[in-house]
Amino acid sequence: GFAEVAETRGGDTTRIVVGSMPLSRPFILPT
């Protein structure tokens, strides 16, 4: 909720947390 309100005011406060399993690391996640 804090992040969404900040986005409407032009801020990028969103923190995205990704759980990474091995296959995603060489290509999908970096891309």
Full PDB file with SEQRES, HELIX, SHEET, SSBOND, CRYST1, ORIGX, SCALE, CONECT and MASTER records, all heavy atoms in Angstrom:
SEQRES   1 A   31  GLY PHE ALA GLU VAL ALA GLU THR ARG GLY GLY ASP THR          
SEQRES   2 A   31  THR ARG ILE VAL VAL GLY SER MET PRO LEU SER ARG PRO          
SEQRES   3 A   31  PHE ILE LEU PRO THR                                          
HELIX    1 AA1 PHE A    2  THR A    8  1                                   7    
HELIX    2 AA2 PRO A   22  SER A   24  5                                   3    
CRYST1    1.000    1.000    1.000  90.00  90.00  90.00 P 1           1          
ORIGX1      1.000000  0.000000  0.000000        0.00000                         
ORIGX2      0.000000  1.000000  0.000000        0.00000                         
ORIGX3      0.000000  0.000000  1.000000        0.00000                         
SCALE1      1.000000  0.000000  0.000000        0.00000                         
SCALE2      0.000000  1.000000  0.000000        0.00000                         
SCALE3      0.000000  0.000000  1.000000        0.00000                         
ATOM      1  N   GLY A   1       0.811  -1.210   0.000  1.00  0.00           N  
ATOM      2  CA  GLY A   1       0.000   0.000   0.000  1.00  0.00           C  
ATOM      3  C   GLY A   1       0.846   1.263   0.000  1.00  0.00           C  
ATOM      4  O   GLY A   1       0.576   2.208  -0.752  1.00  0.00           O  
ATOM      5  N   PHE A   2       1.876   1.294   0.833  1.00  0.00           N  
ATOM      6  CA  PHE A   2       2.794   2.442   0.839  1.00  0.00           C  
ATOM      7  C   PHE A   2       3.429   2.621  -0.545  1.00  0.00           C  
ATOM      8  O   PHE A   2       3.551   3.744  -1.049  1.00  0.00           O  
ATOM      9  CB  PHE A   2       3.894   2.228   1.879  1.00  0.00           C  
ATOM     10  CG  PHE A   2       3.445   2.431   3.297  1.00  0.00           C  
ATOM     11  CD1 PHE A   2       3.537   1.405   4.231  1.00  0.00           C  
ATOM     12  CD2 PHE A   2       2.941   3.648   3.718  1.00  0.00           C  
ATOM     13  CE1 PHE A   2       3.131   1.587   5.536  1.00  0.00           C  
ATOM     14  CE2 PHE A   2       2.535   3.846   5.030  1.00  0.00           C  
ATOM     15  CZ  PHE A   2       2.626   2.805   5.943  1.00  0.00           C  
ATOM     16  N   ALA A   3       3.839   1.509  -1.156  1.00  0.00           N  
ATOM     17  CA  ALA A   3       4.504   1.582  -2.461  1.00  0.00           C  
ATOM     18  C   ALA A   3       3.553   2.077  -3.544  1.00  0.00           C  
ATOM     19  O   ALA A   3       3.940   2.877  -4.405  1.00  0.00           O  
ATOM     20  CB  ALA A   3       5.066   0.210  -2.833  1.00  0.00           C  
ATOM     21  N   GLU A   4       2.305   1.617  -3.520  1.00  0.00           N  
ATOM     22  CA  GLU A   4       1.344   2.035  -4.546  1.00  0.00           C  
ATOM     23  C   GLU A   4       1.059   3.533  -4.470  1.00  0.00           C  
ATOM     24  O   GLU A   4       0.967   4.208  -5.495  1.00  0.00           O  
ATOM     25  CB  GLU A   4       0.052   1.231  -4.405  1.00  0.00           C  
ATOM     26  CG  GLU A   4       0.180  -0.193  -4.904  1.00  0.00           C  
ATOM     27  CD  GLU A   4      -1.089  -0.995  -4.731  1.00  0.00           C  
ATOM     28  OE1 GLU A   4      -1.798  -0.792  -3.727  1.00  0.00           O  
ATOM     29  OE2 GLU A   4      -1.378  -1.829  -5.602  1.00  0.00           O  
ATOM     30  N   VAL A   5       0.909   4.036  -3.254  1.00  0.00           N  
ATOM     31  CA  VAL A   5       0.680   5.473  -3.113  1.00  0.00           C  
ATOM     32  C   VAL A   5       1.895   6.254  -3.596  1.00  0.00           C  
ATOM     33  O   VAL A   5       1.764   7.271  -4.289  1.00  0.00           O  
ATOM     34  CB  VAL A   5       0.351   5.835  -1.651  1.00  0.00           C  
ATOM     35  CG1 VAL A   5       0.291   7.353  -1.470  1.00  0.00           C  
ATOM     36  CG2 VAL A   5      -0.978   5.201  -1.232  1.00  0.00           C  
ATOM     37  N   ALA A   6       3.096   5.769  -3.260  1.00  0.00           N  
ATOM     38  CA  ALA A   6       4.313   6.450  -3.704  1.00  0.00           C  
ATOM     39  C   ALA A   6       4.418   6.460  -5.227  1.00  0.00           C  
ATOM     40  O   ALA A   6       4.877   7.444  -5.823  1.00  0.00           O  
ATOM     41  CB  ALA A   6       5.544   5.781  -3.093  1.00  0.00           C  
ATOM     42  N   GLU A   7       3.982   5.373  -5.879  1.00  0.00           N  
ATOM     43  CA  GLU A   7       4.040   5.316  -7.342  1.00  0.00           C  
ATOM     44  C   GLU A   7       3.160   6.392  -7.967  1.00  0.00           C  
ATOM     45  O   GLU A   7       3.505   6.969  -9.000  1.00  0.00           O  
ATOM     46  CB  GLU A   7       3.597   3.930  -7.833  1.00  0.00           C  
ATOM     47  CG  GLU A   7       4.646   2.841  -7.644  1.00  0.00           C  
ATOM     48  CD  GLU A   7       4.197   1.519  -8.222  1.00  0.00           C  
ATOM     49  OE1 GLU A   7       3.611   1.527  -9.333  1.00  0.00           O  
ATOM     50  OE2 GLU A   7       4.415   0.473  -7.584  1.00  0.00           O  
ATOM     51  N   THR A   8       2.028   6.679  -7.350  1.00  0.00           N  
ATOM     52  CA  THR A   8       1.145   7.717  -7.901  1.00  0.00           C  
ATOM     53  C   THR A   8       1.769   9.102  -7.783  1.00  0.00           C  
ATOM     54  O   THR A   8       1.377  10.017  -8.491  1.00  0.00           O  
ATOM     55  CB  THR A   8      -0.216   7.727  -7.176  1.00  0.00           C  
ATOM     56  OG1 THR A   8      -0.044   8.128  -5.809  1.00  0.00           O  
ATOM     57  CG2 THR A   8      -0.860   6.356  -7.228  1.00  0.00           C  
ATOM     58  N   ARG A   9       2.741   9.243  -6.906  1.00  0.00           N  
ATOM     59  CA  ARG A   9       3.418  10.529  -6.711  1.00  0.00           C  
ATOM     60  C   ARG A   9       4.765  10.573  -7.422  1.00  0.00           C  
ATOM     61  O   ARG A   9       5.598  11.438  -7.152  1.00  0.00           O  
ATOM     62  CB  ARG A   9       3.603  10.781  -5.221  1.00  0.00           C  
ATOM     63  CG  ARG A   9       2.287  10.868  -4.464  1.00  0.00           C  
ATOM     64  CD  ARG A   9       2.492  10.815  -2.950  1.00  0.00           C  
ATOM     65  NE  ARG A   9       3.322  11.918  -2.483  1.00  0.00           N  
ATOM     66  CZ  ARG A   9       2.855  13.112  -2.159  1.00  0.00           C  
ATOM     67  NH1 ARG A   9       1.553  13.357  -2.281  1.00  0.00           N  
ATOM     68  NH2 ARG A   9       3.651  14.062  -1.721  1.00  0.00           N  
ATOM     69  N   GLY A  10       4.997   9.579  -8.307  1.00  0.00           N  
ATOM     70  CA  GLY A  10       6.223   9.564  -9.089  1.00  0.00           C  
ATOM     71  C   GLY A  10       7.397   8.906  -8.414  1.00  0.00           C  
ATOM     72  O   GLY A  10       8.528   8.979  -8.909  1.00  0.00           O  
ATOM     73  N   GLY A  11       7.163   8.223  -7.308  1.00  0.00           N  
ATOM     74  CA  GLY A  11       8.260   7.551  -6.611  1.00  0.00           C  
ATOM     75  C   GLY A  11       8.329   6.081  -6.964  1.00  0.00           C  
ATOM     76  O   GLY A  11       7.327   5.461  -7.329  1.00  0.00           O  
ATOM     77  N   ASP A  12       9.519   5.508  -6.876  1.00  0.00           N  
ATOM     78  CA  ASP A  12       9.724   4.078  -7.118  1.00  0.00           C  
ATOM     79  C   ASP A  12      10.194   3.439  -5.818  1.00  0.00           C  
ATOM     80  O   ASP A  12      11.370   3.126  -5.642  1.00  0.00           O  
ATOM     81  CB  ASP A  12      10.762   3.849  -8.221  1.00  0.00           C  
ATOM     82  CG  ASP A  12      10.220   4.126  -9.608  1.00  0.00           C  
ATOM     83  OD1 ASP A  12       8.996   4.061  -9.763  1.00  0.00           O  
ATOM     84  OD2 ASP A  12      11.017   4.416 -10.508  1.00  0.00           O  
ATOM     85  N   THR A  13       9.269   3.279  -4.881  1.00  0.00           N  
ATOM     86  CA  THR A  13       9.645   2.698  -3.603  1.00  0.00           C  
ATOM     87  C   THR A  13       9.340   1.204  -3.541  1.00  0.00           C  
ATOM     88  O   THR A  13       9.567   0.576  -2.516  1.00  0.00           O  
ATOM     89  CB  THR A  13       8.899   3.395  -2.451  1.00  0.00           C  
ATOM     90  OG1 THR A  13       7.491   3.158  -2.588  1.00  0.00           O  
ATOM     91  CG2 THR A  13       9.166   4.886  -2.467  1.00  0.00           C  
ATOM     92  N   THR A  14       8.820   0.647  -4.627  1.00  0.00           N  
ATOM     93  CA  THR A  14       8.475  -0.767  -4.624  1.00  0.00           C  
ATOM     94  C   THR A  14       9.726  -1.613  -4.436  1.00  0.00           C  
ATOM     95  O   THR A  14      10.750  -1.404  -5.076  1.00  0.00           O  
ATOM     96  CB  THR A  14       7.785  -1.168  -5.933  1.00  0.00           C  
ATOM     97  OG1 THR A  14       6.554  -0.465  -6.049  1.00  0.00           O  
ATOM     98  CG2 THR A  14       7.507  -2.671  -5.960  1.00  0.00           C  
ATOM     99  N   ARG A  15       9.616  -2.596  -3.561  1.00  0.00           N  
ATOM    100  CA  ARG A  15      10.681  -3.578  -3.355  1.00  0.00           C  
ATOM    101  C   ARG A  15      10.135  -4.924  -3.801  1.00  0.00           C  
ATOM    102  O   ARG A  15       9.128  -5.397  -3.278  1.00  0.00           O  
ATOM    103  CB  ARG A  15      11.098  -3.628  -1.893  1.00  0.00           C  
ATOM    104  CG  ARG A  15      12.153  -4.687  -1.567  1.00  0.00           C  
ATOM    105  CD  ARG A  15      12.637  -4.517  -0.127  1.00  0.00           C  
ATOM    106  NE  ARG A  15      13.564  -5.564   0.256  1.00  0.00           N  
ATOM    107  CZ  ARG A  15      13.224  -6.631   0.982  1.00  0.00           C  
ATOM    108  NH1 ARG A  15      11.971  -6.768   1.401  1.00  0.00           N  
ATOM    109  NH2 ARG A  15      14.116  -7.541   1.301  1.00  0.00           N  
ATOM    110  N   ILE A  16      10.774  -5.517  -4.779  1.00  0.00           N  
ATOM    111  CA  ILE A  16      10.331  -6.797  -5.314  1.00  0.00           C  
ATOM    112  C   ILE A  16      11.296  -7.866  -4.834  1.00  0.00           C  
ATOM    113  O   ILE A  16      12.506  -7.760  -5.034  1.00  0.00           O  
ATOM    114  CB  ILE A  16      10.296  -6.765  -6.859  1.00  0.00           C  
ATOM    115  CG1 ILE A  16       9.372  -5.648  -7.340  1.00  0.00           C  
ATOM    116  CG2 ILE A  16       9.838  -8.114  -7.403  1.00  0.00           C  
ATOM    117  CD1 ILE A  16       9.410  -5.438  -8.838  1.00  0.00           C  
ATOM    118  N   VAL A  17      10.753  -8.888  -4.177  1.00  0.00           N  
ATOM    119  CA  VAL A  17      11.579  -9.969  -3.640  1.00  0.00           C  
ATOM    120  C   VAL A  17      11.279 -11.237  -4.429  1.00  0.00           C  
ATOM    121  O   VAL A  17      10.131 -11.687  -4.480  1.00  0.00           O  
ATOM    122  CB  VAL A  17      11.318 -10.194  -2.144  1.00  0.00           C  
ATOM    123  CG1 VAL A  17      12.295 -11.231  -1.592  1.00  0.00           C  
ATOM    124  CG2 VAL A  17      11.455  -8.881  -1.375  1.00  0.00           C  
ATOM    125  N   VAL A  18      12.300 -11.794  -5.048  1.00  0.00           N  
ATOM    126  CA  VAL A  18      12.149 -12.955  -5.928  1.00  0.00           C  
ATOM    127  C   VAL A  18      12.863 -14.148  -5.319  1.00  0.00           C  
ATOM    128  O   VAL A  18      14.037 -14.052  -4.935  1.00  0.00           O  
ATOM    129  CB  VAL A  18      12.745 -12.673  -7.322  1.00  0.00           C  
ATOM    130  CG1 VAL A  18      12.444 -13.829  -8.265  1.00  0.00           C  
ATOM    131  CG2 VAL A  18      12.212 -11.364  -7.870  1.00  0.00           C  
ATOM    132  N   GLY A  19      12.159 -15.261  -5.223  1.00  0.00           N  
ATOM    133  CA  GLY A  19      12.787 -16.519  -4.833  1.00  0.00           C  
ATOM    134  C   GLY A  19      13.289 -17.220  -6.085  1.00  0.00           C  
ATOM    135  O   GLY A  19      12.514 -17.573  -6.975  1.00  0.00           O  
ATOM    136  N   SER A  20      14.599 -17.413  -6.160  1.00  0.00           N  
ATOM    137  CA  SER A  20      15.227 -17.880  -7.393  1.00  0.00           C  
ATOM    138  C   SER A  20      15.700 -19.318  -7.257  1.00  0.00           C  
ATOM    139  O   SER A  20      16.524 -19.634  -6.397  1.00  0.00           O  
ATOM    140  CB  SER A  20      16.418 -16.967  -7.722  1.00  0.00           C  
ATOM    141  OG  SER A  20      17.255 -17.548  -8.687  1.00  0.00           O  
ATOM    142  N   MET A  21      15.171 -20.175  -8.135  1.00  0.00           N  
ATOM    143  CA  MET A  21      15.679 -21.538  -8.252  1.00  0.00           C  
ATOM    144  C   MET A  21      16.680 -21.594  -9.406  1.00  0.00           C  
ATOM    145  O   MET A  21      16.699 -20.693 -10.258  1.00  0.00           O  
ATOM    146  CB  MET A  21      14.507 -22.498  -8.433  1.00  0.00           C  
ATOM    147  CG  MET A  21      13.708 -22.678  -7.132  1.00  0.00           C  
ATOM    148  SD  MET A  21      12.202 -23.667  -7.324  1.00  0.00           S  
ATOM    149  CE  MET A  21      11.014 -22.397  -7.761  1.00  0.00           C  
ATOM    150  N   PRO A  22      17.534 -22.610  -9.437  1.00  0.00           N  
ATOM    151  CA  PRO A  22      18.717 -22.562 -10.316  1.00  0.00           C  
ATOM    152  C   PRO A  22      18.440 -22.242 -11.775  1.00  0.00           C  
ATOM    153  O   PRO A  22      19.172 -21.460 -12.389  1.00  0.00           O  
ATOM    154  CB  PRO A  22      19.319 -23.960 -10.157  1.00  0.00           C  
ATOM    155  CG  PRO A  22      18.930 -24.379  -8.789  1.00  0.00           C  
ATOM    156  CD  PRO A  22      17.549 -23.809  -8.575  1.00  0.00           C  
ATOM    157  N   LEU A  23      17.380 -22.783 -12.347  1.00  0.00           N  
ATOM    158  CA  LEU A  23      17.197 -22.621 -13.788  1.00  0.00           C  
ATOM    159  C   LEU A  23      16.980 -21.176 -14.200  1.00  0.00           C  
ATOM    160  O   LEU A  23      17.328 -20.774 -15.300  1.00  0.00           O  
ATOM    161  CB  LEU A  23      16.014 -23.474 -14.253  1.00  0.00           C  
ATOM    162  CG  LEU A  23      15.748 -23.422 -15.759  1.00  0.00           C  
ATOM    163  CD1 LEU A  23      15.445 -24.814 -16.289  1.00  0.00           C  
ATOM    164  CD2 LEU A  23      14.587 -22.489 -16.080  1.00  0.00           C  
ATOM    165  N   SER A  24      16.421 -20.361 -13.297  1.00  0.00           N  
ATOM    166  CA  SER A  24      16.069 -18.988 -13.665  1.00  0.00           C  
ATOM    167  C   SER A  24      17.265 -18.051 -13.710  1.00  0.00           C  
ATOM    168  O   SER A  24      17.177 -16.955 -14.272  1.00  0.00           O  
ATOM    169  CB  SER A  24      15.043 -18.438 -12.664  1.00  0.00           C  
ATOM    170  OG  SER A  24      15.623 -18.314 -11.377  1.00  0.00           O  
ATOM    171  N   ARG A  25      18.396 -18.444 -13.119  1.00  0.00           N  
ATOM    172  CA  ARG A  25      19.482 -17.493 -12.901  1.00  0.00           C  
ATOM    173  C   ARG A  25      20.296 -17.145 -14.140  1.00  0.00           C  
ATOM    174  O   ARG A  25      20.722 -15.991 -14.286  1.00  0.00           O  
ATOM    175  CB  ARG A  25      20.405 -18.021 -11.794  1.00  0.00           C  
ATOM    176  CG  ARG A  25      19.688 -18.151 -10.457  1.00  0.00           C  
ATOM    177  CD  ARG A  25      20.478 -18.953  -9.440  1.00  0.00           C  
ATOM    178  NE  ARG A  25      19.601 -19.391  -8.344  1.00  0.00           N  
ATOM    179  CZ  ARG A  25      19.903 -20.391  -7.531  1.00  0.00           C  
ATOM    180  NH1 ARG A  25      21.031 -21.060  -7.678  1.00  0.00           N  
ATOM    181  NH2 ARG A  25      19.059 -20.722  -6.573  1.00  0.00           N  
ATOM    182  N   PRO A  26      20.570 -18.067 -15.052  1.00  0.00           N  
ATOM    183  CA  PRO A  26      21.419 -17.685 -16.191  1.00  0.00           C  
ATOM    184  C   PRO A  26      20.751 -16.741 -17.188  1.00  0.00           C  
ATOM    185  O   PRO A  26      21.426 -15.898 -17.778  1.00  0.00           O  
ATOM    186  CB  PRO A  26      21.750 -19.032 -16.856  1.00  0.00           C  
ATOM    187  CG  PRO A  26      21.467 -20.077 -15.826  1.00  0.00           C  
ATOM    188  CD  PRO A  26      20.328 -19.523 -15.033  1.00  0.00           C  
ATOM    189  N   PHE A  27      19.423 -16.845 -17.402  1.00  0.00           N  
ATOM    190  CA  PHE A  27      18.794 -16.073 -18.481  1.00  0.00           C  
ATOM    191  C   PHE A  27      17.525 -15.340 -18.059  1.00  0.00           C  
ATOM    192  O   PHE A  27      17.413 -14.124 -18.237  1.00  0.00           O  
ATOM    193  CB  PHE A  27      18.491 -16.991 -19.668  1.00  0.00           C  
ATOM    194  CG  PHE A  27      17.781 -16.286 -20.790  1.00  0.00           C  
ATOM    195  CD1 PHE A  27      18.472 -15.445 -21.645  1.00  0.00           C  
ATOM    196  CD2 PHE A  27      16.413 -16.453 -20.984  1.00  0.00           C  
ATOM    197  CE1 PHE A  27      17.822 -14.768 -22.677  1.00  0.00           C  
ATOM    198  CE2 PHE A  27      15.751 -15.794 -22.015  1.00  0.00           C  
ATOM    199  CZ  PHE A  27      16.465 -14.951 -22.856  1.00  0.00           C  
ATOM    200  N   ILE A  28      16.536 -16.063 -17.513  1.00  0.00           N  
ATOM    201  CA  ILE A  28      15.213 -15.478 -17.304  1.00  0.00           C  
ATOM    202  C   ILE A  28      15.269 -14.297 -16.336  1.00  0.00           C  
ATOM    203  O   ILE A  28      14.803 -13.197 -16.645  1.00  0.00           O  
ATOM    204  CB  ILE A  28      14.224 -16.542 -16.793  1.00  0.00           C  
ATOM    205  CG1 ILE A  28      14.077 -17.664 -17.824  1.00  0.00           C  
ATOM    206  CG2 ILE A  28      12.866 -15.916 -16.513  1.00  0.00           C  
ATOM    207  CD1 ILE A  28      13.220 -18.819 -17.354  1.00  0.00           C  
ATOM    208  N   LEU A  29      15.846 -14.508 -15.158  1.00  0.00           N  
ATOM    209  CA  LEU A  29      15.895 -13.429 -14.175  1.00  0.00           C  
ATOM    210  C   LEU A  29      16.744 -12.246 -14.640  1.00  0.00           C  
ATOM    211  O   LEU A  29      16.303 -11.092 -14.553  1.00  0.00           O  
ATOM    212  CB  LEU A  29      16.414 -13.958 -12.837  1.00  0.00           C  
ATOM    213  CG  LEU A  29      15.367 -14.243 -11.759  1.00  0.00           C  
ATOM    214  CD1 LEU A  29      16.034 -14.684 -10.471  1.00  0.00           C  
ATOM    215  CD2 LEU A  29      14.478 -13.049 -11.517  1.00  0.00           C  
ATOM    216  N   PRO A  30      17.982 -12.474 -15.131  1.00  0.00           N  
ATOM    217  CA  PRO A  30      18.752 -11.318 -15.606  1.00  0.00           C  
ATOM    218  C   PRO A  30      18.047 -10.535 -16.703  1.00  0.00           C  
ATOM    219  O   PRO A  30      18.091  -9.304 -16.727  1.00  0.00           O  
ATOM    220  CB  PRO A  30      20.058 -11.950 -16.119  1.00  0.00           C  
ATOM    221  CG  PRO A  30      20.164 -13.239 -15.405  1.00  0.00           C  
ATOM    222  CD  PRO A  30      18.762 -13.721 -15.207  1.00  0.00           C  
ATOM    223  N   THR A  31      17.377 -11.241 -17.612  1.00  0.00           N  
ATOM    224  CA  THR A  31      16.685 -10.569 -18.708  1.00  0.00           C  
ATOM    225  C   THR A  31      15.555  -9.687 -18.178  1.00  0.00           C  
ATOM    226  O   THR A  31      15.401  -8.521 -18.579  1.00  0.00           O  
ATOM    227  CB  THR A  31      16.134 -11.608 -19.699  1.00  0.00           C  
ATOM    228  OG1 THR A  31      17.218 -12.385 -20.221  1.00  0.00           O  
ATOM    229  CG2 THR A  31      15.411 -10.929 -20.847  1.00  0.00           C  
TER     230      THR A  31                                                      
MASTER        0    0    0    2    0    0    0    6  229    1    0    3          
END                                                                             
